[in-house]
Amino acid sequence: MNLKSQNILCRRVSEKEIIPVVVDNIGEATLIPLATWSGWFCRKKQARQWQRFIKEPLLRDAASIPGASNPMPVDNVPHTSGLMN
């Protein structure tokens, strides 16, 4: 999976809460899907992809818009709700 800003939409949960939703690139494009089979490999892969994602120019530009709020710290990998334990 390639986590890219153009594959993420915002879902409004309530008046003040919005959550990101991945809408594309579901699945693994590797010959041996270690991240699917192992929680350790999954967490390592998620951390790598998150670091690449927060460095994307589109995301950096959006964060620099005056008056824009940043409810999610970009230095933390989002919790996966135990999907790949």
C-alpha atoms as a PDB file:
ATOM      1  CA  MET A   1       0.000   0.000   0.000  1.00  0.00           C
ATOM      2  CA  ASN A   2       1.266   3.450  -0.880  1.00  0.00           C
ATOM      3  CA  LEU A   3      -0.090   6.021   1.511  1.00  0.00           C
ATOM      4  CA  LYS A   4      -0.530   9.215  -0.491  1.00  0.00           C
ATOM      5  CA  SER A   5      -2.435  12.365   0.344  1.00  0.00           C
ATOM      6  CA  GLN A   6      -4.614  12.052  -2.765  1.00  0.00           C
ATOM      7  CA  ASN A   7      -5.879   8.674  -1.448  1.00  0.00           C
ATOM      8  CA  ILE A   8      -7.205  10.134   1.808  1.00  0.00           C
ATOM      9  CA  LEU A   9     -10.553  11.810   2.348  1.00  0.00           C
ATOM     10  CA  CYS A  10     -11.951  13.447   5.456  1.00  0.00           C
ATOM     11  CA  ARG A  11     -15.123  12.009   6.973  1.00  0.00           C
ATOM     12  CA  ARG A  12     -17.114  14.330   9.201  1.00  0.00           C
ATOM     13  CA  VAL A  13     -18.192  12.372  12.275  1.00  0.00           C
ATOM     14  CA  SER A  14     -19.702  15.295  14.132  1.00  0.00           C
ATOM     15  CA  GLU A  15     -19.740  19.080  13.968  1.00  0.00           C
ATOM     16  CA  LYS A  16     -16.208  19.263  15.414  1.00  0.00           C
ATOM     17  CA  GLU A  17     -14.679  15.883  14.571  1.00  0.00           C
ATOM     18  CA  ILE A  18     -13.250  14.762  11.232  1.00  0.00           C
ATOM     19  CA  ILE A  19     -11.404  11.499  10.682  1.00  0.00           C
ATOM     20  CA  PRO A  20      -9.158  10.541   7.738  1.00  0.00           C
ATOM     21  CA  VAL A  21     -10.303   7.622   5.550  1.00  0.00           C
ATOM     22  CA  VAL A  22      -8.094   5.721   3.091  1.00  0.00           C
ATOM     23  CA  VAL A  23     -10.026   5.242  -0.163  1.00  0.00           C
ATOM     24  CA  ASP A  24      -7.504   3.598  -2.473  1.00  0.00           C
ATOM     25  CA  ASN A  25      -4.527   1.257  -2.616  1.00  0.00           C
ATOM     26  CA  ILE A  26      -5.955  -1.338  -0.276  1.00  0.00           C
ATOM     27  CA  GLY A  27      -3.826  -4.455  -0.071  1.00  0.00           C
ATOM     28  CA  GLU A  28      -0.174  -5.286  -0.253  1.00  0.00           C
ATOM     29  CA  ALA A  29       1.898  -5.195  -3.429  1.00  0.00           C
ATOM     30  CA  THR A  30       4.778  -7.337  -2.183  1.00  0.00           C
ATOM     31  CA  LEU A  31       5.754 -10.839  -3.222  1.00  0.00           C
ATOM     32  CA  ILE A  32       5.879 -12.041   0.397  1.00  0.00           C
ATOM     33  CA  PRO A  33       3.314 -10.048   2.444  1.00  0.00           C
ATOM     34  CA  LEU A  34       5.184  -9.998   5.770  1.00  0.00           C
ATOM     35  CA  ALA A  35       3.271  -6.950   6.989  1.00  0.00           C
ATOM     36  CA  THR A  36       0.041  -8.930   6.677  1.00  0.00           C
ATOM     37  CA  TRP A  37       1.391 -11.912   8.574  1.00  0.00           C
ATOM     38  CA  SER A  38       3.407 -10.197  11.313  1.00  0.00           C
ATOM     39  CA  GLY A  39       2.385  -7.386  13.654  1.00  0.00           C
ATOM     40  CA  TRP A  40       6.032  -6.333  14.037  1.00  0.00           C
ATOM     41  CA  PHE A  41       6.550  -5.976  10.267  1.00  0.00           C
ATOM     42  CA  CYS A  42       3.181  -4.221   9.985  1.00  0.00           C
ATOM     43  CA  ARG A  43       4.113  -1.582  12.589  1.00  0.00           C
ATOM     44  CA  LYS A  44       7.522  -1.009  10.949  1.00  0.00           C
ATOM     45  CA  LYS A  45       5.884  -0.587   7.533  1.00  0.00           C
ATOM     46  CA  GLN A  46       3.227   1.772   8.923  1.00  0.00           C
ATOM     47  CA  ALA A  47       5.893   3.923  10.571  1.00  0.00           C
ATOM     48  CA  ARG A  48       7.869   4.151   7.296  1.00  0.00           C
ATOM     49  CA  GLN A  49       4.768   5.015   5.279  1.00  0.00           C
ATOM     50  CA  TRP A  50       3.618   7.604   7.828  1.00  0.00           C
ATOM     51  CA  GLN A  51       6.989   9.367   7.686  1.00  0.00           C
ATOM     52  CA  ARG A  52       6.816   9.459   3.863  1.00  0.00           C
ATOM     53  CA  PHE A  53       3.210  10.670   3.994  1.00  0.00           C
ATOM     54  CA  ILE A  54       3.862  13.642   6.303  1.00  0.00           C
ATOM     55  CA  LYS A  55       6.718  14.802   4.058  1.00  0.00           C
ATOM     56  CA  GLU A  56       4.454  15.139   1.001  1.00  0.00           C
ATOM     57  CA  PRO A  57       4.330  18.699  -0.384  1.00  0.00           C
ATOM     58  CA  LEU A  58       0.517  18.773  -0.530  1.00  0.00           C
ATOM     59  CA  LEU A  59       0.251  18.023   3.180  1.00  0.00           C
ATOM     60  CA  ARG A  60       2.987  20.525   4.091  1.00  0.00           C
ATOM     61  CA  ASP A  61       1.264  23.230   2.021  1.00  0.00           C
ATOM     62  CA  ALA A  62      -2.120  22.580   3.667  1.00  0.00           C
ATOM     63  CA  ALA A  63      -0.573  22.817   7.146  1.00  0.00           C
ATOM     64  CA  SER A  64       0.903  26.227   6.324  1.00  0.00           C
ATOM     65  CA  ILE A  65      -2.448  27.822   5.391  1.00  0.00           C
ATOM     66  CA  PRO A  66      -3.197  30.683   7.832  1.00  0.00           C
ATOM     67  CA  GLY A  67      -6.005  29.804  10.205  1.00  0.00           C
ATOM     68  CA  ALA A  68      -5.799  26.076   9.482  1.00  0.00           C
ATOM     69  CA  SER A  69      -5.832  23.902  12.556  1.00  0.00           C
ATOM     70  CA  ASN A  70      -3.823  20.722  12.935  1.00  0.00           C
ATOM     71  CA  PRO A  71      -5.740  18.344  15.255  1.00  0.00           C
ATOM     72  CA  MET A  72      -3.426  15.365  14.583  1.00  0.00           C
ATOM     73  CA  PRO A  73       0.272  15.519  15.508  1.00  0.00           C
ATOM     74  CA  VAL A  74       2.258  14.485  12.446  1.00  0.00           C
ATOM     75  CA  ASP A  75       5.087  12.845  14.360  1.00  0.00           C
ATOM     76  CA  ASN A  76       2.917   9.980  15.642  1.00  0.00           C
ATOM     77  CA  VAL A  77       1.724   6.966  13.690  1.00  0.00           C
ATOM     78  CA  PRO A  78      -2.076   6.686  13.958  1.00  0.00           C
ATOM     79  CA  HIS A  79      -3.424   3.809  16.030  1.00  0.00           C
ATOM     80  CA  THR A  80      -4.501   0.827  13.935  1.00  0.00           C
ATOM     81  CA  SER A  81      -7.214  -0.481  16.307  1.00  0.00           C
ATOM     82  CA  GLY A  82      -5.508  -3.864  16.424  1.00  0.00           C
ATOM     83  CA  LEU A  83      -6.019  -4.700  12.760  1.00  0.00           C
ATOM     84  CA  MET A  84      -2.673  -6.455  12.371  1.00  0.00           C
ATOM     85  CA  ASN A  85      -1.751  -7.864  15.795  1.00  0.00           C
END
